[in-house]
Amino acid sequence: MIQRLGELWEAAPPAFWLVLAACAYFAVMAARLTVIDVRHHLLPNRIVFPSYAVAGALLLGAVISLAVSAQGSGSVPAAAAQLFGVPALRILAGGAVLWLFYFVLRLVYPPGMGFGDVKLAGVLGMYLGYLGWPHIFAGTFAAFLLGGLWSIGLLASRRGTLKSAIPFGPFMLGGAAAAMVLLPA
């Protein structure tokens, strides 16, 4: 994401500011959701649902702004028409695919995945989809890896059992953040 911000600053400053705002929102949202999920095993709709609109508006706005800048003095409708190729659809598809993946996990084993995690997955899919499909896969893998390592640590320290419930939202957010920061855009 850092590399993408550098490229955006040179190519389209308005897109840079929109992506920077999206990143700032992600950081605040992640901090709030992590604290709430750790304390209450809950990802509140009052935070998750507005995040769809905020992430969608900021990230799609950045894509449109970049398309307008790429066309030079072209019009916004022409840029928007060209836009609905890969970047914008990848944001929307990333959110839908990750939501569906977590929804299937919830259907297969309801005690293992809360519906708050399913709802959060769509937002994270939008952020990761902005960067690309490898980021979606890496962020999802990192979430399960981090959650698994935490669970092994709980078992090893005898602070948990195989039946213990852990809040998975912080691992989802951490995995997404790791993919956004560590993978090249």
N, C-alpha and C. Protein backbone atom coordinates (compact mmCIF):
# COMPACT_ATOMS: atom_id res chain seq x y z
N MET A 1 0.83 -1.18 0.00
CA MET A 1 0.00 0.00 0.00
C MET A 1 0.88 1.25 0.00
N ILE A 2 1.99 1.19 0.70
CA ILE A 2 2.89 2.33 0.76
C ILE A 2 3.42 2.65 -0.64
N GLN A 3 3.81 1.61 -1.36
CA GLN A 3 4.29 1.80 -2.73
C GLN A 3 3.19 2.40 -3.60
N ARG A 4 1.97 1.92 -3.43
CA ARG A 4 0.84 2.42 -4.21
C ARG A 4 0.60 3.91 -3.90
N LEU A 5 0.75 4.29 -2.63
CA LEU A 5 0.57 5.69 -2.27
C LEU A 5 1.62 6.57 -2.96
N GLY A 6 2.86 6.10 -3.02
CA GLY A 6 3.91 6.86 -3.70
C GLY A 6 3.61 7.04 -5.17
N GLU A 7 3.13 5.97 -5.81
CA GLU A 7 2.78 6.06 -7.23
C GLU A 7 1.60 7.01 -7.45
N LEU A 8 0.63 6.96 -6.55
CA LEU A 8 -0.54 7.83 -6.69
C LEU A 8 -0.18 9.29 -6.52
N TRP A 9 0.76 9.58 -5.62
CA TRP A 9 1.15 10.97 -5.40
C TRP A 9 1.69 11.59 -6.69
N GLU A 10 2.45 10.79 -7.43
CA GLU A 10 3.01 11.28 -8.69
C GLU A 10 1.97 11.33 -9.81
N ALA A 11 1.10 10.33 -9.87
CA ALA A 11 0.16 10.22 -10.98
C ALA A 11 -1.11 11.04 -10.79
N ALA A 12 -1.67 11.02 -9.59
CA ALA A 12 -2.95 11.67 -9.35
C ALA A 12 -3.07 12.04 -7.87
N PRO A 13 -2.67 13.25 -7.50
CA PRO A 13 -2.75 13.65 -6.08
C PRO A 13 -4.14 13.48 -5.45
N PRO A 14 -5.25 13.75 -6.16
CA PRO A 14 -6.54 13.51 -5.50
C PRO A 14 -6.74 12.03 -5.13
N ALA A 15 -6.28 11.13 -5.98
CA ALA A 15 -6.38 9.70 -5.68
C ALA A 15 -5.52 9.37 -4.46
N PHE A 16 -4.36 9.99 -4.37
CA PHE A 16 -3.47 9.80 -3.21
C PHE A 16 -4.22 10.13 -1.92
N TRP A 17 -4.87 11.29 -1.89
CA TRP A 17 -5.56 11.73 -0.67
C TRP A 17 -6.74 10.83 -0.34
N LEU A 18 -7.42 10.35 -1.37
CA LEU A 18 -8.54 9.43 -1.12
C LEU A 18 -8.06 8.10 -0.54
N VAL A 19 -6.98 7.57 -1.08
CA VAL A 19 -6.45 6.30 -0.56
C VAL A 19 -5.86 6.51 0.84
N LEU A 20 -5.22 7.64 1.06
CA LEU A 20 -4.69 7.94 2.39
C LEU A 20 -5.83 8.04 3.40
N ALA A 21 -6.93 8.67 3.02
CA ALA A 21 -8.10 8.74 3.91
C ALA A 21 -8.67 7.35 4.16
N ALA A 22 -8.69 6.51 3.12
CA ALA A 22 -9.18 5.13 3.29
C ALA A 22 -8.29 4.37 4.27
N CYS A 23 -6.98 4.58 4.17
CA CYS A 23 -6.04 3.90 5.08
C CYS A 23 -6.22 4.40 6.52
N ALA A 24 -6.41 5.70 6.68
CA ALA A 24 -6.63 6.26 8.02
C ALA A 24 -7.92 5.71 8.61
N TYR A 25 -8.96 5.64 7.79
CA TYR A 25 -10.22 5.08 8.27
C TYR A 25 -10.04 3.61 8.66
N PHE A 26 -9.30 2.86 7.85
CA PHE A 26 -9.04 1.45 8.15
C PHE A 26 -8.35 1.33 9.51
N ALA A 27 -7.36 2.16 9.76
CA ALA A 27 -6.61 2.08 11.02
C ALA A 27 -7.52 2.35 12.22
N VAL A 28 -8.36 3.36 12.12
CA VAL A 28 -9.27 3.69 13.22
C VAL A 28 -10.31 2.58 13.40
N MET A 29 -10.89 2.12 12.29
CA MET A 29 -11.88 1.05 12.33
C MET A 29 -11.25 -0.21 12.94
N ALA A 30 -10.05 -0.56 12.51
CA ALA A 30 -9.38 -1.77 13.00
C ALA A 30 -9.11 -1.67 14.50
N ALA A 31 -8.66 -0.53 14.95
CA ALA A 31 -8.38 -0.36 16.38
C ALA A 31 -9.66 -0.50 17.20
N ARG A 32 -10.72 0.15 16.77
CA ARG A 32 -11.99 0.08 17.51
C ARG A 32 -12.54 -1.34 17.51
N LEU A 33 -12.56 -1.98 16.36
CA LEU A 33 -13.12 -3.33 16.27
C LEU A 33 -12.29 -4.34 17.05
N THR A 34 -10.97 -4.18 17.04
CA THR A 34 -10.11 -5.09 17.79
C THR A 34 -10.42 -5.03 19.28
N VAL A 35 -10.50 -3.82 19.81
CA VAL A 35 -10.78 -3.66 21.25
C VAL A 35 -12.14 -4.25 21.60
N ILE A 36 -13.14 -3.94 20.79
CA ILE A 36 -14.50 -4.44 21.07
C ILE A 36 -14.56 -5.95 20.94
N ASP A 37 -13.94 -6.51 19.92
CA ASP A 37 -14.00 -7.96 19.71
C ASP A 37 -13.26 -8.71 20.80
N VAL A 38 -12.13 -8.20 21.22
CA VAL A 38 -11.38 -8.86 22.30
C VAL A 38 -12.17 -8.83 23.60
N ARG A 39 -12.79 -7.71 23.89
CA ARG A 39 -13.53 -7.58 25.15
C ARG A 39 -14.87 -8.31 25.14
N HIS A 40 -15.60 -8.23 24.02
CA HIS A 40 -16.98 -8.69 24.01
C HIS A 40 -17.30 -9.79 22.98
N HIS A 41 -16.31 -10.20 22.20
CA HIS A 41 -16.53 -11.18 21.12
C HIS A 41 -17.67 -10.72 20.22
N LEU A 42 -17.56 -9.46 19.76
CA LEU A 42 -18.61 -8.84 18.98
C LEU A 42 -17.99 -7.84 18.01
N LEU A 43 -18.48 -7.85 16.78
CA LEU A 43 -18.10 -6.85 15.78
C LEU A 43 -19.37 -6.06 15.45
N PRO A 44 -19.55 -4.90 16.07
CA PRO A 44 -20.83 -4.19 15.97
C PRO A 44 -21.17 -3.71 14.56
N ASN A 45 -22.44 -3.88 14.21
CA ASN A 45 -22.93 -3.42 12.91
C ASN A 45 -22.77 -1.91 12.75
N ARG A 46 -22.86 -1.17 13.84
CA ARG A 46 -22.76 0.29 13.76
C ARG A 46 -21.38 0.76 13.30
N ILE A 47 -20.40 -0.13 13.35
CA ILE A 47 -19.07 0.19 12.83
C ILE A 47 -18.85 -0.51 11.49
N VAL A 48 -19.23 -1.77 11.38
CA VAL A 48 -18.95 -2.55 10.18
C VAL A 48 -19.76 -2.05 8.98
N PHE A 49 -21.07 -1.85 9.14
CA PHE A 49 -21.90 -1.47 8.00
C PHE A 49 -21.50 -0.13 7.38
N PRO A 50 -21.26 0.91 8.17
CA PRO A 50 -20.81 2.17 7.54
C PRO A 50 -19.44 2.03 6.86
N SER A 51 -18.67 1.07 7.29
CA SER A 51 -17.35 0.86 6.69
C SER A 51 -17.45 0.44 5.23
N TYR A 52 -18.52 -0.25 4.86
CA TYR A 52 -18.73 -0.59 3.45
C TYR A 52 -18.85 0.69 2.62
N ALA A 53 -19.66 1.61 3.09
CA ALA A 53 -19.88 2.86 2.35
C ALA A 53 -18.62 3.71 2.31
N VAL A 54 -17.94 3.82 3.44
CA VAL A 54 -16.73 4.65 3.50
C VAL A 54 -15.64 4.06 2.62
N ALA A 55 -15.37 2.77 2.77
CA ALA A 55 -14.33 2.13 1.95
C ALA A 55 -14.69 2.20 0.47
N GLY A 56 -15.94 1.90 0.16
CA GLY A 56 -16.37 1.93 -1.23
C GLY A 56 -16.23 3.31 -1.84
N ALA A 57 -16.70 4.33 -1.13
CA ALA A 57 -16.63 5.69 -1.67
C ALA A 57 -15.19 6.16 -1.84
N LEU A 58 -14.36 5.92 -0.84
CA LEU A 58 -12.97 6.40 -0.93
C LEU A 58 -12.17 5.63 -1.97
N LEU A 59 -12.28 4.32 -1.98
CA LEU A 59 -11.48 3.52 -2.91
C LEU A 59 -11.98 3.67 -4.35
N LEU A 60 -13.28 3.64 -4.55
CA LEU A 60 -13.81 3.85 -5.90
C LEU A 60 -13.54 5.27 -6.37
N GLY A 61 -13.62 6.23 -5.45
CA GLY A 61 -13.27 7.61 -5.79
C GLY A 61 -11.83 7.73 -6.24
N ALA A 62 -10.94 7.00 -5.57
CA ALA A 62 -9.53 7.02 -5.96
C ALA A 62 -9.34 6.44 -7.35
N VAL A 63 -10.05 5.35 -7.65
CA VAL A 63 -9.94 4.73 -8.97
C VAL A 63 -10.47 5.67 -10.04
N ILE A 64 -11.59 6.33 -9.77
CA ILE A 64 -12.14 7.29 -10.73
C ILE A 64 -11.20 8.45 -10.93
N SER A 65 -10.66 8.96 -9.83
CA SER A 65 -9.72 10.08 -9.90
C SER A 65 -8.48 9.71 -10.71
N LEU A 66 -7.99 8.50 -10.52
CA LEU A 66 -6.83 8.05 -11.28
C LEU A 66 -7.18 7.90 -12.76
N ALA A 67 -8.38 7.39 -13.05
CA ALA A 67 -8.80 7.25 -14.45
C ALA A 67 -8.95 8.61 -15.12
N VAL A 68 -9.47 9.60 -14.39
CA VAL A 68 -9.61 10.95 -14.94
C VAL A 68 -8.24 11.54 -15.19
N SER A 69 -7.32 11.36 -14.26
CA SER A 69 -5.96 11.89 -14.43
C SER A 69 -5.25 11.21 -15.60
N ALA A 70 -5.49 9.92 -15.77
CA ALA A 70 -4.85 9.19 -16.86
C ALA A 70 -5.34 9.67 -18.21
N GLN A 71 -6.59 10.13 -18.28
CA GLN A 71 -7.13 10.63 -19.54
C GLN A 71 -6.74 12.07 -19.79
N GLY A 72 -6.07 12.67 -18.85
CA GLY A 72 -5.67 14.06 -19.03
C GLY A 72 -6.86 14.98 -18.88
N SER A 73 -7.24 15.61 -19.95
CA SER A 73 -8.35 16.56 -19.89
C SER A 73 -9.67 15.90 -20.24
N GLY A 74 -9.72 14.57 -20.20
CA GLY A 74 -10.94 13.85 -20.54
C GLY A 74 -12.04 14.12 -19.53
N SER A 75 -13.24 13.76 -19.87
CA SER A 75 -14.37 14.02 -19.00
C SER A 75 -14.52 12.92 -17.95
N VAL A 76 -15.20 13.25 -16.87
CA VAL A 76 -15.44 12.28 -15.80
C VAL A 76 -16.31 11.13 -16.29
N PRO A 77 -17.42 11.36 -17.04
CA PRO A 77 -18.21 10.22 -17.52
C PRO A 77 -17.41 9.27 -18.42
N ALA A 78 -16.55 9.82 -19.28
CA ALA A 78 -15.75 8.95 -20.14
C ALA A 78 -14.78 8.13 -19.30
N ALA A 79 -14.19 8.76 -18.28
CA ALA A 79 -13.27 8.04 -17.40
C ALA A 79 -14.01 6.99 -16.59
N ALA A 80 -15.22 7.33 -16.15
CA ALA A 80 -16.00 6.36 -15.37
C ALA A 80 -16.40 5.17 -16.24
N ALA A 81 -16.70 5.42 -17.50
CA ALA A 81 -17.05 4.32 -18.40
C ALA A 81 -15.85 3.40 -18.61
N GLN A 82 -14.67 3.99 -18.75
CA GLN A 82 -13.46 3.20 -18.93
C GLN A 82 -13.09 2.48 -17.64
N LEU A 83 -13.43 3.09 -16.53
CA LEU A 83 -13.07 2.60 -15.22
C LEU A 83 -13.66 1.23 -14.92
N PHE A 84 -14.89 0.99 -15.36
CA PHE A 84 -15.53 -0.25 -14.97
C PHE A 84 -14.96 -1.43 -15.72
N GLY A 85 -13.67 -1.44 -15.76
CA GLY A 85 -12.89 -2.59 -16.18
C GLY A 85 -12.39 -3.21 -14.90
N VAL A 86 -11.13 -3.40 -14.81
CA VAL A 86 -10.54 -4.19 -13.74
C VAL A 86 -10.55 -3.53 -12.36
N PRO A 87 -10.05 -2.29 -12.17
CA PRO A 87 -9.86 -1.80 -10.80
C PRO A 87 -11.15 -1.71 -9.97
N ALA A 88 -12.17 -1.07 -10.50
CA ALA A 88 -13.39 -0.89 -9.72
C ALA A 88 -14.09 -2.22 -9.48
N LEU A 89 -14.13 -3.05 -10.48
CA LEU A 89 -14.77 -4.35 -10.31
C LEU A 89 -14.00 -5.23 -9.33
N ARG A 90 -12.69 -5.07 -9.30
CA ARG A 90 -11.89 -5.86 -8.37
C ARG A 90 -12.19 -5.47 -6.92
N ILE A 91 -12.46 -4.19 -6.68
CA ILE A 91 -12.83 -3.74 -5.33
C ILE A 91 -14.14 -4.40 -4.93
N LEU A 92 -15.12 -4.31 -5.80
CA LEU A 92 -16.44 -4.88 -5.51
C LEU A 92 -16.39 -6.40 -5.45
N ALA A 93 -15.68 -7.01 -6.39
CA ALA A 93 -15.57 -8.47 -6.42
C ALA A 93 -14.79 -8.98 -5.21
N GLY A 94 -13.75 -8.26 -4.82
CA GLY A 94 -12.98 -8.65 -3.64
C GLY A 94 -13.85 -8.70 -2.40
N GLY A 95 -14.68 -7.67 -2.23
CA GLY A 95 -15.60 -7.66 -1.10
C GLY A 95 -16.59 -8.80 -1.16
N ALA A 96 -17.15 -9.04 -2.35
CA ALA A 96 -18.15 -10.11 -2.50
C ALA A 96 -17.53 -11.49 -2.31
N VAL A 97 -16.37 -11.71 -2.89
CA VAL A 97 -15.73 -13.03 -2.80
C VAL A 97 -15.32 -13.35 -1.37
N LEU A 98 -14.74 -12.38 -0.68
CA LEU A 98 -14.32 -12.65 0.69
C LEU A 98 -15.53 -12.82 1.61
N TRP A 99 -16.58 -12.03 1.39
CA TRP A 99 -17.80 -12.20 2.17
C TRP A 99 -18.36 -13.61 1.95
N LEU A 100 -18.42 -14.03 0.71
CA LEU A 100 -18.97 -15.35 0.38
C LEU A 100 -18.12 -16.47 0.99
N PHE A 101 -16.80 -16.32 0.93
CA PHE A 101 -15.91 -17.33 1.51
C PHE A 101 -16.19 -17.49 3.01
N TYR A 102 -16.27 -16.38 3.74
CA TYR A 102 -16.53 -16.45 5.17
C TYR A 102 -17.96 -16.92 5.45
N PHE A 103 -18.89 -16.58 4.58
CA PHE A 103 -20.26 -17.04 4.74
C PHE A 103 -20.33 -18.56 4.61
N VAL A 104 -19.62 -19.12 3.67
CA VAL A 104 -19.58 -20.58 3.50
C VAL A 104 -18.96 -21.23 4.73
N LEU A 105 -17.89 -20.63 5.26
CA LEU A 105 -17.29 -21.16 6.49
C LEU A 105 -18.30 -21.14 7.63
N ARG A 106 -19.07 -20.08 7.70
CA ARG A 106 -20.11 -19.96 8.74
C ARG A 106 -21.19 -21.03 8.54
N LEU A 107 -21.58 -21.29 7.30
CA LEU A 107 -22.59 -22.31 7.02
C LEU A 107 -22.08 -23.71 7.37
N VAL A 108 -20.84 -23.98 7.04
CA VAL A 108 -20.27 -25.31 7.27
C VAL A 108 -20.12 -25.60 8.76
N TYR A 109 -19.65 -24.62 9.53
CA TYR A 109 -19.42 -24.84 10.96
C TYR A 109 -19.77 -23.56 11.73
N PRO A 110 -21.06 -23.36 12.05
CA PRO A 110 -21.49 -22.12 12.70
C PRO A 110 -20.77 -21.77 14.01
N PRO A 111 -20.44 -22.73 14.88
CA PRO A 111 -19.74 -22.33 16.10
C PRO A 111 -18.32 -21.80 15.84
N GLY A 112 -17.77 -22.10 14.69
CA GLY A 112 -16.39 -21.71 14.41
C GLY A 112 -16.22 -20.31 13.85
N MET A 113 -17.32 -19.71 13.39
CA MET A 113 -17.22 -18.39 12.73
C MET A 113 -18.47 -17.60 13.05
N GLY A 114 -18.29 -16.41 13.62
CA GLY A 114 -19.43 -15.56 13.91
C GLY A 114 -19.87 -14.80 12.66
N PHE A 115 -21.13 -14.36 12.66
CA PHE A 115 -21.60 -13.62 11.49
C PHE A 115 -20.98 -12.24 11.41
N GLY A 116 -20.50 -11.71 12.54
CA GLY A 116 -19.77 -10.45 12.50
C GLY A 116 -18.49 -10.57 11.67
N ASP A 117 -17.84 -11.72 11.77
CA ASP A 117 -16.65 -11.98 10.96
C ASP A 117 -17.00 -12.00 9.47
N VAL A 118 -18.16 -12.58 9.15
CA VAL A 118 -18.61 -12.64 7.76
C VAL A 118 -18.81 -11.23 7.23
N LYS A 119 -19.49 -10.40 8.01
CA LYS A 119 -19.76 -9.02 7.57
C LYS A 119 -18.46 -8.22 7.43
N LEU A 120 -17.54 -8.41 8.35
CA LEU A 120 -16.26 -7.70 8.28
C LEU A 120 -15.46 -8.14 7.07
N ALA A 121 -15.58 -9.40 6.68
CA ALA A 121 -14.82 -9.93 5.55
C ALA A 121 -15.09 -9.15 4.27
N GLY A 122 -16.32 -8.72 4.05
CA GLY A 122 -16.65 -7.95 2.86
C GLY A 122 -15.89 -6.63 2.81
N VAL A 123 -15.80 -5.96 3.94
CA VAL A 123 -15.06 -4.69 4.00
C VAL A 123 -13.58 -4.93 3.71
N LEU A 124 -13.03 -5.94 4.35
CA LEU A 124 -11.61 -6.24 4.15
C LEU A 124 -11.35 -6.66 2.70
N GLY A 125 -12.28 -7.38 2.11
CA GLY A 125 -12.15 -7.76 0.71
C GLY A 125 -12.11 -6.55 -0.21
N MET A 126 -12.84 -5.49 0.13
CA MET A 126 -12.81 -4.27 -0.68
C MET A 126 -11.42 -3.62 -0.60
N TYR A 127 -10.90 -3.50 0.61
CA TYR A 127 -9.56 -2.91 0.78
C TYR A 127 -8.51 -3.73 0.05
N LEU A 128 -8.53 -5.03 0.27
CA LEU A 128 -7.53 -5.89 -0.36
C LEU A 128 -7.75 -5.99 -1.86
N GLY A 129 -9.00 -5.96 -2.30
CA GLY A 129 -9.31 -6.00 -3.72
C GLY A 129 -8.78 -4.78 -4.45
N TYR A 130 -8.72 -3.65 -3.78
CA TYR A 130 -8.14 -2.46 -4.39
C TYR A 130 -6.70 -2.72 -4.82
N LEU A 131 -6.00 -3.50 -4.03
CA LEU A 131 -4.59 -3.78 -4.31
C LEU A 131 -4.40 -4.95 -5.27
N GLY A 132 -5.29 -5.94 -5.24
CA GLY A 132 -5.17 -7.06 -6.17
C GLY A 132 -5.53 -8.39 -5.53
N TRP A 133 -5.76 -9.37 -6.38
CA TRP A 133 -6.12 -10.70 -5.90
C TRP A 133 -5.05 -11.33 -5.02
N PRO A 134 -3.77 -11.16 -5.30
CA PRO A 134 -2.77 -11.74 -4.38
C PRO A 134 -2.90 -11.20 -2.96
N HIS A 135 -3.30 -9.94 -2.83
CA HIS A 135 -3.48 -9.36 -1.50
C HIS A 135 -4.66 -9.99 -0.78
N ILE A 136 -5.72 -10.29 -1.53
CA ILE A 136 -6.89 -10.95 -0.92
C ILE A 136 -6.48 -12.32 -0.38
N PHE A 137 -5.78 -13.08 -1.19
CA PHE A 137 -5.35 -14.41 -0.75
C PHE A 137 -4.37 -14.32 0.42
N ALA A 138 -3.41 -13.42 0.33
CA ALA A 138 -2.42 -13.28 1.40
C ALA A 138 -3.06 -12.79 2.70
N GLY A 139 -3.96 -11.83 2.61
CA GLY A 139 -4.62 -11.31 3.81
C GLY A 139 -5.47 -12.36 4.49
N THR A 140 -6.15 -13.17 3.70
CA THR A 140 -6.97 -14.24 4.26
C THR A 140 -6.09 -15.33 4.88
N PHE A 141 -5.05 -15.71 4.17
CA PHE A 141 -4.12 -16.72 4.70
C PHE A 141 -3.48 -16.22 6.00
N ALA A 142 -3.06 -14.96 6.01
CA ALA A 142 -2.41 -14.40 7.20
C ALA A 142 -3.38 -14.39 8.39
N ALA A 143 -4.66 -14.11 8.15
CA ALA A 143 -5.64 -14.11 9.23
C ALA A 143 -5.74 -15.49 9.87
N PHE A 144 -5.83 -16.52 9.04
CA PHE A 144 -5.94 -17.87 9.58
C PHE A 144 -4.63 -18.33 10.21
N LEU A 145 -3.52 -17.91 9.65
CA LEU A 145 -2.22 -18.25 10.24
C LEU A 145 -2.07 -17.60 11.62
N LEU A 146 -2.37 -16.32 11.71
CA LEU A 146 -2.25 -15.62 12.99
C LEU A 146 -3.23 -16.19 14.02
N GLY A 147 -4.45 -16.45 13.61
CA GLY A 147 -5.42 -17.05 14.52
C GLY A 147 -5.01 -18.43 14.97
N GLY A 148 -4.46 -19.22 14.06
CA GLY A 148 -3.99 -20.56 14.41
C GLY A 148 -2.81 -20.52 15.37
N LEU A 149 -1.88 -19.63 15.11
CA LEU A 149 -0.72 -19.51 16.02
C LEU A 149 -1.16 -19.06 17.41
N TRP A 150 -2.11 -18.13 17.46
CA TRP A 150 -2.63 -17.67 18.76
C TRP A 150 -3.30 -18.84 19.50
N SER A 151 -4.08 -19.64 18.77
CA SER A 151 -4.76 -20.77 19.38
C SER A 151 -3.77 -21.81 19.89
N ILE A 152 -2.73 -22.06 19.10
CA ILE A 152 -1.69 -23.00 19.55
C ILE A 152 -1.01 -22.47 20.81
N GLY A 153 -0.77 -21.17 20.84
CA GLY A 153 -0.18 -20.56 22.04
C GLY A 153 -1.09 -20.70 23.26
N LEU A 154 -2.39 -20.52 23.06
CA LEU A 154 -3.33 -20.70 24.18
C LEU A 154 -3.34 -22.14 24.67
N LEU A 155 -3.31 -23.08 23.72
CA LEU A 155 -3.29 -24.49 24.10
C LEU A 155 -1.99 -24.85 24.81
N ALA A 156 -0.88 -24.38 24.28
CA ALA A 156 0.43 -24.70 24.87
C ALA A 156 0.58 -24.13 26.28
N SER A 157 0.02 -22.94 26.48
CA SER A 157 0.12 -22.31 27.80
C SER A 157 -0.99 -22.76 28.75
N ARG A 158 -1.85 -23.63 28.27
CA ARG A 158 -2.99 -24.16 29.03
C ARG A 158 -3.96 -23.06 29.46
N ARG A 159 -4.03 -22.01 28.67
CA ARG A 159 -4.98 -20.93 28.94
C ARG A 159 -6.25 -21.11 28.12
N GLY A 160 -6.28 -22.14 27.31
CA GLY A 160 -7.45 -22.42 26.49
C GLY A 160 -7.51 -23.90 26.17
N THR A 161 -8.68 -24.31 25.67
CA THR A 161 -8.87 -25.70 25.26
C THR A 161 -9.31 -25.71 23.80
N LEU A 162 -9.53 -26.90 23.27
CA LEU A 162 -10.00 -27.01 21.89
C LEU A 162 -11.40 -26.44 21.73
N LYS A 163 -12.12 -26.27 22.81
CA LYS A 163 -13.47 -25.71 22.79
C LYS A 163 -13.48 -24.20 23.04
N SER A 164 -12.35 -23.62 23.32
CA SER A 164 -12.30 -22.18 23.62
C SER A 164 -12.63 -21.35 22.39
N ALA A 165 -13.39 -20.29 22.62
CA ALA A 165 -13.73 -19.36 21.54
C ALA A 165 -12.72 -18.22 21.56
N ILE A 166 -12.20 -17.89 20.39
CA ILE A 166 -11.31 -16.74 20.30
C ILE A 166 -11.96 -15.72 19.37
N PRO A 167 -11.75 -14.44 19.65
CA PRO A 167 -12.27 -13.42 18.73
C PRO A 167 -11.41 -13.43 17.45
N PHE A 168 -12.04 -13.69 16.31
CA PHE A 168 -11.28 -13.82 15.07
C PHE A 168 -11.11 -12.49 14.34
N GLY A 169 -11.94 -11.50 14.65
CA GLY A 169 -11.87 -10.20 13.99
C GLY A 169 -10.48 -9.56 14.05
N PRO A 170 -9.82 -9.55 15.20
CA PRO A 170 -8.48 -8.97 15.25
C PRO A 170 -7.48 -9.66 14.31
N PHE A 171 -7.63 -10.96 14.13
CA PHE A 171 -6.73 -11.68 13.24
C PHE A 171 -7.05 -11.36 11.78
N MET A 172 -8.34 -11.20 11.48
CA MET A 172 -8.73 -10.81 10.13
C MET A 172 -8.17 -9.43 9.81
N LEU A 173 -8.31 -8.50 10.74
CA LEU A 173 -7.81 -7.13 10.54
C LEU A 173 -6.29 -7.12 10.46
N GLY A 174 -5.64 -7.91 11.32
CA GLY A 174 -4.18 -7.99 11.29
C GLY A 174 -3.66 -8.61 10.01
N GLY A 175 -4.33 -9.66 9.54
CA GLY A 175 -3.93 -10.29 8.28
C GLY A 175 -4.09 -9.34 7.10
N ALA A 176 -5.21 -8.61 7.08
CA ALA A 176 -5.43 -7.63 6.01
C ALA A 176 -4.39 -6.52 6.07
N ALA A 177 -4.13 -6.03 7.26
CA ALA A 177 -3.13 -4.96 7.41
C ALA A 177 -1.74 -5.45 6.98
N ALA A 178 -1.40 -6.66 7.36
CA ALA A 178 -0.10 -7.21 6.96
C ALA A 178 0.00 -7.32 5.45
N ALA A 179 -1.05 -7.79 4.81
CA ALA A 179 -1.02 -7.90 3.33
C ALA A 179 -0.93 -6.53 2.69
N MET A 180 -1.63 -5.55 3.26
CA MET A 180 -1.61 -4.19 2.69
C MET A 180 -0.23 -3.55 2.83
N VAL A 181 0.44 -3.81 3.95
CA VAL A 181 1.71 -3.14 4.20
C VAL A 181 2.90 -3.91 3.62
N LEU A 182 2.88 -5.23 3.71
CA LEU A 182 4.06 -6.01 3.38
C LEU A 182 4.16 -6.43 1.91
N LEU A 183 3.03 -6.63 1.24
CA LEU A 183 3.09 -7.07 -0.16
C LEU A 183 3.23 -5.86 -1.08
N PRO A 184 4.04 -5.97 -2.11
CA PRO A 184 4.13 -4.85 -3.05
C PRO A 184 2.83 -4.71 -3.83
N ALA A 185 2.49 -3.47 -4.11
CA ALA A 185 1.22 -3.18 -4.81
C ALA A 185 1.33 -3.50 -6.29
